Amino acid sequence: MQYIELSETLKKHTVFSLTDIRKINSSFCRRRLNEWQDKGYIKKIIKGYYIFSDLELNENVLFEIANRIYSPSYISFEMALSYYHLIPESVYEITSASTRRTYKFKTPIAEFSYRAIKPQLFFGYNLVKYPDMYRERYFKMASIEKAILDYFYINSNIKDGIDFASLRINKDMFFKQVSEEKLHKFLEKFTQKRLTERIKAFWEFMKNA
């Protein structure tokens, strides 16, 4: 397989894998990938996953890459809270929830971290569409309610007013976007009494903040 054939065939892919290539050419020699990296045609993200060097990187693209290189997963936790403008800090790590083990990748394009959640908690995310010259692309992003619950779920130390205040949640954005009904509907699925108590306390804190 020549590089031009690869680029024409996979140009619609934001990120592609060795498996993707071998679906096209079952006898593909992996050594060619090293040659194309040396020539600057492609970049390795993690083992087995690559992007074309001329790919324009932005937040949407990075989110889609995060979904793909460690699947199943969806964007959540700090990155989702920042995405919904709930927290003032910039988040430099692409944080995701996954049913696989907790893991972190430091790559040439970004740092990707994944926190393990139980399979029954893998819900509450949306497919977010974004435009591209070749086709419509998507990434999986936690709904604002699920992002909050995921964050409290993995940060069990956040439990009182001092802790809630330290998050510096934007009150206006919070009540503009968060559905109390949806939040509690999702919360029931966690079946955790302590988490329920903490979320109720957090909601009261936000009302009086």
N, C-alpha and C. Protein backbone atom coordinates (compact mmCIF):
# COMPACT_ATOMS: atom_id res chain seq x y z
N MET A 1 0.84 -1.20 0.00
CA MET A 1 0.00 0.00 0.00
C MET A 1 0.87 1.25 0.00
N GLN A 2 0.55 2.19 -0.90
CA GLN A 2 1.25 3.46 -0.95
C GLN A 2 0.55 4.47 -0.05
N TYR A 3 1.30 5.50 0.38
CA TYR A 3 0.72 6.49 1.29
C TYR A 3 -0.48 7.19 0.66
N ILE A 4 -0.39 7.51 -0.63
CA ILE A 4 -1.49 8.22 -1.28
C ILE A 4 -2.78 7.41 -1.21
N GLU A 5 -2.65 6.08 -1.31
CA GLU A 5 -3.83 5.22 -1.21
C GLU A 5 -4.42 5.27 0.20
N LEU A 6 -3.52 5.25 1.19
CA LEU A 6 -3.97 5.33 2.59
C LEU A 6 -4.70 6.64 2.84
N SER A 7 -4.11 7.75 2.41
CA SER A 7 -4.69 9.06 2.70
C SER A 7 -6.03 9.25 2.00
N GLU A 8 -6.16 8.73 0.80
CA GLU A 8 -7.42 8.84 0.07
C GLU A 8 -8.51 7.98 0.71
N THR A 9 -8.12 6.81 1.17
CA THR A 9 -9.09 5.87 1.72
C THR A 9 -9.55 6.27 3.12
N LEU A 10 -8.63 6.78 3.91
CA LEU A 10 -8.93 7.07 5.31
C LEU A 10 -9.03 8.57 5.62
N LYS A 11 -9.14 9.40 4.61
CA LYS A 11 -9.16 10.84 4.85
C LYS A 11 -10.38 11.29 5.66
N LYS A 12 -11.42 10.47 5.67
CA LYS A 12 -12.61 10.83 6.45
C LYS A 12 -12.47 10.48 7.93
N HIS A 13 -11.39 9.80 8.28
CA HIS A 13 -11.17 9.40 9.68
C HIS A 13 -10.43 10.49 10.44
N THR A 14 -10.94 10.85 11.59
CA THR A 14 -10.20 11.77 12.45
C THR A 14 -8.96 11.08 13.00
N VAL A 15 -9.14 9.87 13.46
CA VAL A 15 -8.04 9.04 13.95
C VAL A 15 -8.25 7.65 13.37
N PHE A 16 -7.17 7.00 12.99
CA PHE A 16 -7.31 5.67 12.40
C PHE A 16 -6.36 4.70 13.09
N SER A 17 -6.68 3.43 12.97
CA SER A 17 -5.89 2.40 13.66
C SER A 17 -5.29 1.43 12.66
N LEU A 18 -4.38 0.64 13.14
CA LEU A 18 -3.80 -0.42 12.32
C LEU A 18 -4.90 -1.37 11.86
N THR A 19 -5.88 -1.60 12.72
CA THR A 19 -7.01 -2.46 12.35
C THR A 19 -7.78 -1.87 11.18
N ASP A 20 -7.98 -0.54 11.18
CA ASP A 20 -8.67 0.12 10.07
C ASP A 20 -7.92 -0.11 8.76
N ILE A 21 -6.59 -0.01 8.81
CA ILE A 21 -5.79 -0.19 7.60
C ILE A 21 -5.88 -1.62 7.10
N ARG A 22 -5.83 -2.56 8.01
CA ARG A 22 -5.85 -3.97 7.61
C ARG A 22 -7.21 -4.43 7.13
N LYS A 23 -8.25 -3.64 7.40
CA LYS A 23 -9.55 -3.93 6.80
C LYS A 23 -9.52 -3.63 5.29
N ILE A 24 -8.65 -2.70 4.94
CA ILE A 24 -8.49 -2.30 3.54
C ILE A 24 -7.47 -3.20 2.84
N ASN A 25 -6.38 -3.47 3.57
CA ASN A 25 -5.29 -4.27 3.02
C ASN A 25 -4.81 -5.24 4.11
N SER A 26 -5.27 -6.46 4.04
CA SER A 26 -4.99 -7.45 5.09
C SER A 26 -3.51 -7.80 5.20
N SER A 27 -2.75 -7.57 4.14
CA SER A 27 -1.32 -7.90 4.15
C SER A 27 -0.44 -6.69 4.45
N PHE A 28 -1.06 -5.60 4.92
CA PHE A 28 -0.30 -4.38 5.19
C PHE A 28 0.84 -4.62 6.16
N CYS A 29 2.01 -4.09 5.85
CA CYS A 29 3.20 -4.23 6.70
C CYS A 29 3.28 -3.04 7.66
N ARG A 30 3.29 -3.34 8.93
CA ARG A 30 3.29 -2.28 9.95
C ARG A 30 4.51 -1.37 9.83
N ARG A 31 5.58 -1.87 9.26
CA ARG A 31 6.80 -1.09 9.13
C ARG A 31 6.58 0.18 8.29
N ARG A 32 5.58 0.12 7.40
CA ARG A 32 5.30 1.30 6.58
C ARG A 32 4.86 2.48 7.44
N LEU A 33 4.18 2.19 8.55
CA LEU A 33 3.74 3.26 9.45
C LEU A 33 4.94 4.02 10.03
N ASN A 34 5.99 3.28 10.36
CA ASN A 34 7.20 3.93 10.87
C ASN A 34 7.83 4.81 9.79
N GLU A 35 7.82 4.33 8.57
CA GLU A 35 8.38 5.11 7.46
C GLU A 35 7.60 6.41 7.26
N TRP A 36 6.28 6.31 7.33
CA TRP A 36 5.43 7.49 7.11
C TRP A 36 5.53 8.47 8.28
N GLN A 37 5.77 7.94 9.47
CA GLN A 37 6.01 8.84 10.60
C GLN A 37 7.32 9.59 10.41
N ASP A 38 8.36 8.88 9.98
CA ASP A 38 9.68 9.51 9.76
C ASP A 38 9.61 10.60 8.70
N LYS A 39 8.73 10.41 7.72
CA LYS A 39 8.58 11.39 6.64
C LYS A 39 7.62 12.52 7.03
N GLY A 40 7.00 12.39 8.21
CA GLY A 40 6.11 13.45 8.68
C GLY A 40 4.71 13.41 8.11
N TYR A 41 4.33 12.28 7.50
CA TYR A 41 3.00 12.16 6.91
C TYR A 41 1.92 11.91 7.98
N ILE A 42 2.28 11.12 8.97
CA ILE A 42 1.32 10.75 10.02
C ILE A 42 1.98 10.93 11.39
N LYS A 43 1.14 10.97 12.43
CA LYS A 43 1.64 11.06 13.81
C LYS A 43 1.03 9.92 14.62
N LYS A 44 1.83 9.31 15.43
CA LYS A 44 1.33 8.27 16.33
C LYS A 44 0.77 8.94 17.58
N ILE A 45 -0.46 8.55 17.96
CA ILE A 45 -1.07 9.08 19.18
C ILE A 45 -0.74 8.15 20.35
N ILE A 46 -1.19 6.93 20.26
CA ILE A 46 -0.80 5.87 21.19
C ILE A 46 -0.56 4.63 20.33
N LYS A 47 -0.13 3.57 20.94
CA LYS A 47 0.13 2.35 20.20
C LYS A 47 -1.10 1.92 19.40
N GLY A 48 -0.91 1.82 18.10
CA GLY A 48 -1.98 1.35 17.23
C GLY A 48 -2.91 2.41 16.68
N TYR A 49 -2.76 3.67 17.11
CA TYR A 49 -3.64 4.75 16.66
C TYR A 49 -2.84 5.93 16.11
N TYR A 50 -3.31 6.47 15.00
CA TYR A 50 -2.57 7.51 14.28
C TYR A 50 -3.52 8.59 13.76
N ILE A 51 -2.93 9.76 13.47
CA ILE A 51 -3.65 10.82 12.77
C ILE A 51 -2.78 11.28 11.62
N PHE A 52 -3.40 11.92 10.64
CA PHE A 52 -2.63 12.54 9.57
C PHE A 52 -2.01 13.83 10.11
N SER A 53 -0.78 14.11 9.71
CA SER A 53 -0.05 15.25 10.28
C SER A 53 -0.71 16.58 9.99
N ASP A 54 -1.49 16.67 8.91
CA ASP A 54 -2.13 17.93 8.57
C ASP A 54 -3.52 18.09 9.19
N LEU A 55 -3.90 17.16 10.08
CA LEU A 55 -5.19 17.27 10.75
C LEU A 55 -5.22 18.53 11.61
N GLU A 56 -6.25 19.34 11.43
CA GLU A 56 -6.41 20.55 12.23
C GLU A 56 -6.98 20.18 13.60
N LEU A 57 -6.19 20.42 14.63
CA LEU A 57 -6.60 20.03 15.98
C LEU A 57 -7.36 21.16 16.66
N ASN A 58 -8.51 20.82 17.22
CA ASN A 58 -9.27 21.74 18.05
C ASN A 58 -9.96 20.91 19.12
N GLU A 59 -10.73 21.55 19.96
CA GLU A 59 -11.36 20.86 21.08
C GLU A 59 -12.25 19.71 20.61
N ASN A 60 -13.04 19.96 19.59
CA ASN A 60 -13.94 18.92 19.09
C ASN A 60 -13.18 17.69 18.60
N VAL A 61 -12.13 17.93 17.86
CA VAL A 61 -11.31 16.84 17.32
C VAL A 61 -10.67 16.05 18.46
N LEU A 62 -10.16 16.75 19.45
CA LEU A 62 -9.53 16.07 20.59
C LEU A 62 -10.54 15.23 21.36
N PHE A 63 -11.77 15.73 21.48
CA PHE A 63 -12.81 14.95 22.16
C PHE A 63 -13.11 13.66 21.39
N GLU A 64 -13.20 13.77 20.07
CA GLU A 64 -13.47 12.57 19.27
C GLU A 64 -12.33 11.57 19.38
N ILE A 65 -11.10 12.07 19.36
CA ILE A 65 -9.93 11.21 19.51
C ILE A 65 -9.96 10.51 20.86
N ALA A 66 -10.31 11.26 21.91
CA ALA A 66 -10.39 10.68 23.26
C ALA A 66 -11.38 9.53 23.30
N ASN A 67 -12.53 9.71 22.66
CA ASN A 67 -13.54 8.64 22.60
C ASN A 67 -12.99 7.40 21.92
N ARG A 68 -12.21 7.61 20.87
CA ARG A 68 -11.80 6.50 20.00
C ARG A 68 -10.64 5.68 20.56
N ILE A 69 -9.64 6.34 21.13
CA ILE A 69 -8.43 5.62 21.50
C ILE A 69 -8.59 4.77 22.76
N TYR A 70 -9.66 5.00 23.52
CA TYR A 70 -9.91 4.19 24.72
C TYR A 70 -11.41 4.04 24.83
N SER A 71 -11.89 2.98 24.24
CA SER A 71 -13.33 2.78 24.11
C SER A 71 -13.79 1.55 24.88
N PRO A 72 -15.01 1.60 25.48
CA PRO A 72 -15.98 2.70 25.43
C PRO A 72 -15.65 3.80 26.43
N SER A 73 -15.89 5.02 26.03
CA SER A 73 -15.66 6.15 26.93
C SER A 73 -16.46 7.35 26.44
N TYR A 74 -16.64 8.32 27.32
CA TYR A 74 -17.26 9.60 26.95
C TYR A 74 -16.62 10.69 27.80
N ILE A 75 -16.60 11.91 27.30
CA ILE A 75 -16.00 13.03 28.01
C ILE A 75 -16.84 13.35 29.25
N SER A 76 -16.18 13.52 30.39
CA SER A 76 -16.90 13.81 31.63
C SER A 76 -15.95 14.49 32.62
N PHE A 77 -16.37 14.53 33.88
CA PHE A 77 -15.56 15.08 34.98
C PHE A 77 -15.16 16.55 34.70
N GLU A 78 -13.92 16.90 35.00
CA GLU A 78 -13.50 18.31 34.92
C GLU A 78 -13.67 18.90 33.52
N MET A 79 -13.31 18.11 32.49
CA MET A 79 -13.41 18.64 31.13
C MET A 79 -14.86 18.96 30.77
N ALA A 80 -15.79 18.11 31.17
CA ALA A 80 -17.20 18.38 30.88
C ALA A 80 -17.69 19.59 31.66
N LEU A 81 -17.29 19.72 32.92
CA LEU A 81 -17.69 20.89 33.71
C LEU A 81 -17.18 22.17 33.07
N SER A 82 -15.99 22.12 32.51
CA SER A 82 -15.43 23.28 31.81
C SER A 82 -16.19 23.52 30.50
N TYR A 83 -16.53 22.46 29.80
CA TYR A 83 -17.26 22.55 28.54
C TYR A 83 -18.59 23.27 28.73
N TYR A 84 -19.25 23.01 29.87
CA TYR A 84 -20.54 23.64 30.17
C TYR A 84 -20.38 24.97 30.90
N HIS A 85 -19.15 25.44 31.03
CA HIS A 85 -18.84 26.74 31.66
C HIS A 85 -19.28 26.79 33.12
N LEU A 86 -19.16 25.66 33.81
CA LEU A 86 -19.51 25.64 35.23
C LEU A 86 -18.34 26.02 36.12
N ILE A 87 -17.13 25.74 35.67
CA ILE A 87 -15.95 26.06 36.48
C ILE A 87 -15.09 27.06 35.72
N PRO A 88 -14.40 27.94 36.45
CA PRO A 88 -13.63 29.01 35.80
C PRO A 88 -12.27 28.57 35.27
N GLU A 89 -11.73 27.49 35.83
CA GLU A 89 -10.38 27.09 35.45
C GLU A 89 -10.33 26.43 34.07
N SER A 90 -9.22 26.65 33.37
CA SER A 90 -8.98 25.92 32.13
C SER A 90 -8.55 24.51 32.49
N VAL A 91 -9.02 23.56 31.75
CA VAL A 91 -8.68 22.16 32.01
C VAL A 91 -7.80 21.68 30.87
N TYR A 92 -6.59 21.24 31.21
CA TYR A 92 -5.62 20.89 30.18
C TYR A 92 -5.61 19.40 29.86
N GLU A 93 -6.29 18.62 30.66
CA GLU A 93 -6.34 17.18 30.46
C GLU A 93 -7.73 16.81 29.95
N ILE A 94 -7.81 16.00 28.92
CA ILE A 94 -9.11 15.55 28.41
C ILE A 94 -9.56 14.40 29.31
N THR A 95 -10.55 14.66 30.16
CA THR A 95 -10.98 13.68 31.15
C THR A 95 -12.23 12.94 30.68
N SER A 96 -12.21 11.63 30.83
CA SER A 96 -13.30 10.80 30.34
C SER A 96 -13.68 9.73 31.35
N ALA A 97 -14.90 9.25 31.21
CA ALA A 97 -15.39 8.10 31.99
C ALA A 97 -15.34 6.88 31.09
N SER A 98 -14.96 5.75 31.66
CA SER A 98 -14.87 4.52 30.87
C SER A 98 -15.20 3.33 31.76
N THR A 99 -15.69 2.27 31.15
CA THR A 99 -15.92 1.03 31.90
C THR A 99 -14.64 0.22 32.01
N ARG A 100 -13.60 0.66 31.33
CA ARG A 100 -12.31 0.00 31.44
C ARG A 100 -11.55 0.57 32.64
N ARG A 101 -10.36 0.04 32.89
CA ARG A 101 -9.63 0.48 34.08
C ARG A 101 -9.15 1.91 33.94
N THR A 102 -8.93 2.56 35.08
CA THR A 102 -8.40 3.92 35.09
C THR A 102 -7.05 3.95 34.39
N TYR A 103 -6.88 4.92 33.50
CA TYR A 103 -5.64 4.97 32.72
C TYR A 103 -5.39 6.40 32.25
N LYS A 104 -4.13 6.69 31.92
CA LYS A 104 -3.77 8.02 31.43
C LYS A 104 -2.77 7.87 30.29
N PHE A 105 -2.97 8.69 29.25
CA PHE A 105 -2.04 8.73 28.12
C PHE A 105 -1.48 10.14 27.99
N LYS A 106 -0.16 10.25 27.90
CA LYS A 106 0.48 11.51 27.55
C LYS A 106 0.92 11.37 26.09
N THR A 107 0.31 12.14 25.22
CA THR A 107 0.54 12.00 23.79
C THR A 107 1.12 13.30 23.22
N PRO A 108 1.57 13.28 21.97
CA PRO A 108 2.11 14.50 21.36
C PRO A 108 1.09 15.61 21.18
N ILE A 109 -0.20 15.28 21.26
CA ILE A 109 -1.22 16.29 21.00
C ILE A 109 -2.00 16.72 22.25
N ALA A 110 -2.04 15.87 23.26
CA ALA A 110 -2.80 16.20 24.48
C ALA A 110 -2.60 15.08 25.51
N GLU A 111 -3.02 15.38 26.75
CA GLU A 111 -3.06 14.34 27.77
C GLU A 111 -4.51 13.86 27.90
N PHE A 112 -4.67 12.56 27.88
CA PHE A 112 -6.00 11.96 27.98
C PHE A 112 -6.05 11.09 29.24
N SER A 113 -7.02 11.34 30.10
CA SER A 113 -7.16 10.51 31.30
C SER A 113 -8.55 9.92 31.36
N TYR A 114 -8.62 8.69 31.87
CA TYR A 114 -9.87 7.94 31.92
C TYR A 114 -10.06 7.40 33.33
N ARG A 115 -11.24 7.62 33.88
CA ARG A 115 -11.56 7.11 35.20
C ARG A 115 -12.61 6.01 35.07
N ALA A 116 -12.39 4.94 35.80
CA ALA A 116 -13.27 3.78 35.70
C ALA A 116 -14.60 4.02 36.42
N ILE A 117 -15.68 3.67 35.75
CA ILE A 117 -17.00 3.65 36.37
C ILE A 117 -17.61 2.27 36.12
N LYS A 118 -18.59 1.91 36.91
CA LYS A 118 -19.24 0.61 36.74
C LYS A 118 -20.01 0.59 35.42
N PRO A 119 -20.08 -0.57 34.78
CA PRO A 119 -20.81 -0.67 33.50
C PRO A 119 -22.24 -0.14 33.57
N GLN A 120 -22.91 -0.34 34.71
CA GLN A 120 -24.30 0.13 34.83
C GLN A 120 -24.40 1.65 34.92
N LEU A 121 -23.26 2.32 35.11
CA LEU A 121 -23.26 3.78 35.18
C LEU A 121 -22.84 4.42 33.86
N PHE A 122 -22.63 3.59 32.85
CA PHE A 122 -22.23 4.12 31.54
C PHE A 122 -23.48 4.55 30.77
N PHE A 123 -23.96 5.72 31.11
CA PHE A 123 -25.16 6.29 30.49
C PHE A 123 -25.11 7.80 30.69
N GLY A 124 -26.13 8.48 30.17
CA GLY A 124 -26.24 9.92 30.43
C GLY A 124 -25.32 10.78 29.60
N TYR A 125 -24.90 10.29 28.44
CA TYR A 125 -24.05 11.10 27.57
C TYR A 125 -24.81 11.39 26.27
N ASN A 126 -24.36 12.43 25.57
CA ASN A 126 -24.98 12.82 24.31
C ASN A 126 -23.98 12.69 23.17
N LEU A 127 -24.49 12.45 21.97
CA LEU A 127 -23.66 12.50 20.77
C LEU A 127 -23.69 13.94 20.27
N VAL A 128 -22.56 14.60 20.35
CA VAL A 128 -22.47 16.00 19.94
C VAL A 128 -21.92 16.06 18.52
N LYS A 129 -22.67 16.67 17.63
CA LYS A 129 -22.27 16.75 16.23
C LYS A 129 -21.45 18.01 15.99
N TYR A 130 -20.41 17.88 15.19
CA TYR A 130 -19.67 19.07 14.78
C TYR A 130 -19.31 18.95 13.30
N PRO A 131 -19.19 20.07 12.60
CA PRO A 131 -19.01 20.04 11.15
C PRO A 131 -17.58 19.68 10.73
N ASP A 132 -17.49 19.14 9.53
CA ASP A 132 -16.21 18.77 8.95
C ASP A 132 -16.38 18.82 7.43
N MET A 133 -15.30 19.04 6.70
CA MET A 133 -15.39 19.16 5.25
C MET A 133 -15.77 17.85 4.56
N TYR A 134 -15.53 16.73 5.24
CA TYR A 134 -15.80 15.44 4.62
C TYR A 134 -17.15 14.84 5.03
N ARG A 135 -17.48 14.98 6.31
CA ARG A 135 -18.71 14.37 6.80
C ARG A 135 -19.04 14.96 8.16
N GLU A 136 -20.21 14.64 8.67
CA GLU A 136 -20.55 15.07 10.02
C GLU A 136 -19.81 14.18 11.02
N ARG A 137 -19.21 14.80 11.99
CA ARG A 137 -18.47 14.04 12.99
C ARG A 137 -19.15 14.19 14.35
N TYR A 138 -18.86 13.27 15.23
CA TYR A 138 -19.51 13.24 16.54
C TYR A 138 -18.50 12.91 17.63
N PHE A 139 -18.81 13.36 18.83
CA PHE A 139 -18.11 12.87 20.01
C PHE A 139 -19.13 12.67 21.13
N LYS A 140 -18.79 11.82 22.07
CA LYS A 140 -19.68 11.52 23.19
C LYS A 140 -19.31 12.40 24.38
N MET A 141 -20.27 13.18 24.83
CA MET A 141 -20.07 14.11 25.95
C MET A 141 -21.14 13.86 27.01
N ALA A 142 -20.73 13.76 28.26
CA ALA A 142 -21.70 13.62 29.35
C ALA A 142 -22.67 14.78 29.34
N SER A 143 -23.93 14.52 29.62
CA SER A 143 -24.87 15.62 29.84
C SER A 143 -24.38 16.36 31.09
N ILE A 144 -24.83 17.58 31.24
CA ILE A 144 -24.35 18.37 32.37
C ILE A 144 -24.69 17.69 33.71
N GLU A 145 -25.86 17.09 33.78
CA GLU A 145 -26.28 16.42 35.02
C GLU A 145 -25.38 15.21 35.31
N LYS A 146 -25.09 14.43 34.26
CA LYS A 146 -24.26 13.23 34.46
C LYS A 146 -22.82 13.61 34.77
N ALA A 147 -22.33 14.69 34.18
CA ALA A 147 -20.97 15.15 34.46
C ALA A 147 -20.81 15.51 35.94
N ILE A 148 -21.83 16.18 36.49
CA ILE A 148 -21.80 16.54 37.91
C ILE A 148 -21.79 15.28 38.77
N LEU A 149 -22.67 14.33 38.46
CA LEU A 149 -22.74 13.10 39.24
C LEU A 149 -21.46 12.28 39.11
N ASP A 150 -20.93 12.20 37.92
CA ASP A 150 -19.66 11.47 37.73
C ASP A 150 -18.56 12.09 38.57
N TYR A 151 -18.52 13.43 38.58
CA TYR A 151 -17.47 14.12 39.32
C TYR A 151 -17.58 13.85 40.82
N PHE A 152 -18.77 13.93 41.35
CA PHE A 152 -18.97 13.64 42.78
C PHE A 152 -18.73 12.16 43.08
N TYR A 153 -19.07 11.33 42.14
CA TYR A 153 -18.89 9.87 42.30
C TYR A 153 -17.43 9.51 42.51
N ILE A 154 -16.52 10.12 41.75
CA ILE A 154 -15.10 9.77 41.87
C ILE A 154 -14.38 10.63 42.90
N ASN A 155 -15.03 11.71 43.35
CA ASN A 155 -14.42 12.58 44.36
C ASN A 155 -15.26 12.52 45.64
N SER A 156 -15.17 11.40 46.31
CA SER A 156 -15.99 11.17 47.50
C SER A 156 -15.62 12.09 48.67
N ASN A 157 -14.48 12.76 48.57
CA ASN A 157 -14.05 13.68 49.63
C ASN A 157 -14.80 15.00 49.59
N ILE A 158 -15.52 15.28 48.50
CA ILE A 158 -16.28 16.53 48.39
C ILE A 158 -17.66 16.31 49.00
N LYS A 159 -17.87 16.87 50.19
CA LYS A 159 -19.10 16.52 50.91
C LYS A 159 -19.73 17.63 51.74
N ASP A 160 -19.07 18.80 51.87
CA ASP A 160 -19.69 19.84 52.69
C ASP A 160 -19.53 21.21 52.02
N GLY A 161 -20.04 22.24 52.70
CA GLY A 161 -20.06 23.58 52.14
C GLY A 161 -18.70 24.11 51.74
N ILE A 162 -17.68 23.85 52.55
CA ILE A 162 -16.33 24.31 52.23
C ILE A 162 -15.85 23.67 50.93
N ASP A 163 -16.10 22.36 50.82
CA ASP A 163 -15.71 21.65 49.60
C ASP A 163 -16.48 22.17 48.39
N PHE A 164 -17.78 22.39 48.57
CA PHE A 164 -18.61 22.88 47.46
C PHE A 164 -18.13 24.26 47.00
N ALA A 165 -17.81 25.11 47.97
CA ALA A 165 -17.36 26.47 47.63
C ALA A 165 -16.04 26.43 46.86
N SER A 166 -15.19 25.46 47.20
CA SER A 166 -13.89 25.38 46.53
C SER A 166 -14.00 25.04 45.05
N LEU A 167 -15.15 24.48 44.64
CA LEU A 167 -15.35 24.15 43.23
C LEU A 167 -15.59 25.40 42.40
N ARG A 168 -16.08 26.46 43.03
CA ARG A 168 -16.36 27.74 42.37
C ARG A 168 -17.28 27.55 41.16
N ILE A 169 -18.36 26.82 41.39
CA ILE A 169 -19.34 26.59 40.34
C ILE A 169 -20.08 27.89 40.02
N ASN A 170 -20.20 28.19 38.75
CA ASN A 170 -20.93 29.37 38.31
C ASN A 170 -22.43 29.16 38.53
N LYS A 171 -22.98 29.88 39.50
CA LYS A 171 -24.37 29.67 39.90
C LYS A 171 -25.34 29.95 38.76
N ASP A 172 -25.12 31.04 38.03
CA ASP A 172 -26.03 31.39 36.94
C ASP A 172 -26.05 30.31 35.86
N MET A 173 -24.86 29.84 35.47
CA MET A 173 -24.77 28.80 34.45
C MET A 173 -25.35 27.49 34.96
N PHE A 174 -25.18 27.25 36.25
CA PHE A 174 -25.67 26.01 36.85
C PHE A 174 -27.19 25.94 36.74
N PHE A 175 -27.88 26.94 37.23
CA PHE A 175 -29.35 26.88 37.24
C PHE A 175 -29.95 27.14 35.86
N LYS A 176 -29.18 27.72 34.98
CA LYS A 176 -29.65 27.93 33.61
C LYS A 176 -29.67 26.61 32.83
N GLN A 177 -28.74 25.70 33.18
CA GLN A 177 -28.57 24.49 32.38
C GLN A 177 -29.01 23.19 33.05
N VAL A 178 -28.90 23.12 34.37
CA VAL A 178 -29.12 21.85 35.06
C VAL A 178 -30.60 21.62 35.35
N SER A 179 -31.08 20.44 34.99
CA SER A 179 -32.46 20.04 35.31
C SER A 179 -32.43 19.26 36.62
N GLU A 180 -33.11 19.79 37.62
CA GLU A 180 -33.15 19.10 38.90
C GLU A 180 -33.81 17.73 38.76
N GLU A 181 -34.85 17.66 37.96
CA GLU A 181 -35.54 16.39 37.75
C GLU A 181 -34.62 15.36 37.10
N LYS A 182 -33.90 15.77 36.09
CA LYS A 182 -33.00 14.86 35.39
C LYS A 182 -31.83 14.45 36.29
N LEU A 183 -31.34 15.40 37.07
CA LEU A 183 -30.24 15.10 37.98
C LEU A 183 -30.63 14.00 38.96
N HIS A 184 -31.81 14.12 39.55
CA HIS A 184 -32.24 13.14 40.54
C HIS A 184 -32.66 11.81 39.89
N LYS A 185 -33.13 11.88 38.66
CA LYS A 185 -33.46 10.65 37.93
C LYS A 185 -32.19 9.84 37.68
N PHE A 186 -31.12 10.53 37.27
CA PHE A 186 -29.84 9.87 37.07
C PHE A 186 -29.26 9.39 38.39
N LEU A 187 -29.43 10.21 39.42
CA LEU A 187 -28.87 9.90 40.74
C LEU A 187 -29.43 8.58 41.28
N GLU A 188 -30.69 8.32 41.02
CA GLU A 188 -31.31 7.08 41.49
C GLU A 188 -30.60 5.84 40.94
N LYS A 189 -30.06 5.95 39.75
CA LYS A 189 -29.40 4.82 39.12
C LYS A 189 -28.06 4.47 39.77
N PHE A 190 -27.52 5.42 40.53
CA PHE A 190 -26.25 5.15 41.21
C PHE A 190 -26.47 4.27 42.45
N THR A 191 -27.68 4.32 43.00
CA THR A 191 -28.05 3.54 44.19
C THR A 191 -27.01 3.65 45.30
N GLN A 192 -26.58 4.86 45.58
CA GLN A 192 -25.61 5.10 46.64
C GLN A 192 -26.17 6.15 47.59
N LYS A 193 -26.46 5.74 48.80
CA LYS A 193 -27.07 6.63 49.79
C LYS A 193 -26.19 7.84 50.08
N ARG A 194 -24.89 7.61 50.27
CA ARG A 194 -24.00 8.72 50.60
C ARG A 194 -23.89 9.72 49.46
N LEU A 195 -23.83 9.22 48.23
CA LEU A 195 -23.78 10.12 47.08
C LEU A 195 -25.07 10.93 47.00
N THR A 196 -26.20 10.29 47.25
CA THR A 196 -27.49 10.99 47.23
C THR A 196 -27.51 12.11 48.26
N GLU A 197 -27.01 11.84 49.45
CA GLU A 197 -26.98 12.85 50.51
C GLU A 197 -26.07 14.01 50.13
N ARG A 198 -24.92 13.69 49.53
CA ARG A 198 -23.97 14.74 49.13
C ARG A 198 -24.54 15.62 48.02
N ILE A 199 -25.22 15.01 47.07
CA ILE A 199 -25.81 15.78 45.97
C ILE A 199 -26.94 16.68 46.48
N LYS A 200 -27.75 16.16 47.40
CA LYS A 200 -28.82 16.98 47.98
C LYS A 200 -28.22 18.17 48.74
N ALA A 201 -27.14 17.92 49.47
CA ALA A 201 -26.48 19.01 50.20
C ALA A 201 -25.88 20.02 49.23
N PHE A 202 -25.32 19.53 48.15
CA PHE A 202 -24.74 20.41 47.13
C PHE A 202 -25.81 21.27 46.48
N TRP A 203 -26.97 20.68 46.20
CA TRP A 203 -28.06 21.43 45.57
C TRP A 203 -28.53 22.55 46.50
N GLU A 204 -28.66 22.27 47.77
CA GLU A 204 -29.06 23.29 48.75
C GLU A 204 -28.00 24.39 48.84
N PHE A 205 -26.73 23.97 48.80
CA PHE A 205 -25.65 24.95 48.83
C PHE A 205 -25.74 25.89 47.64
N MET A 206 -25.98 25.33 46.44
CA MET A 206 -26.05 26.16 45.23
C MET A 206 -27.23 27.12 45.30
N LYS A 207 -28.36 26.67 45.84
CA LYS A 207 -29.53 27.55 45.95
C LYS A 207 -29.25 28.75 46.84
N ASN A 208 -28.42 28.55 47.84
CA ASN A 208 -28.16 29.61 48.82
C ASN A 208 -26.83 30.32 48.61
N ALA A 209 -26.12 29.94 47.56
CA ALA A 209 -24.80 30.52 47.32
C ALA A 209 -24.92 32.00 46.94
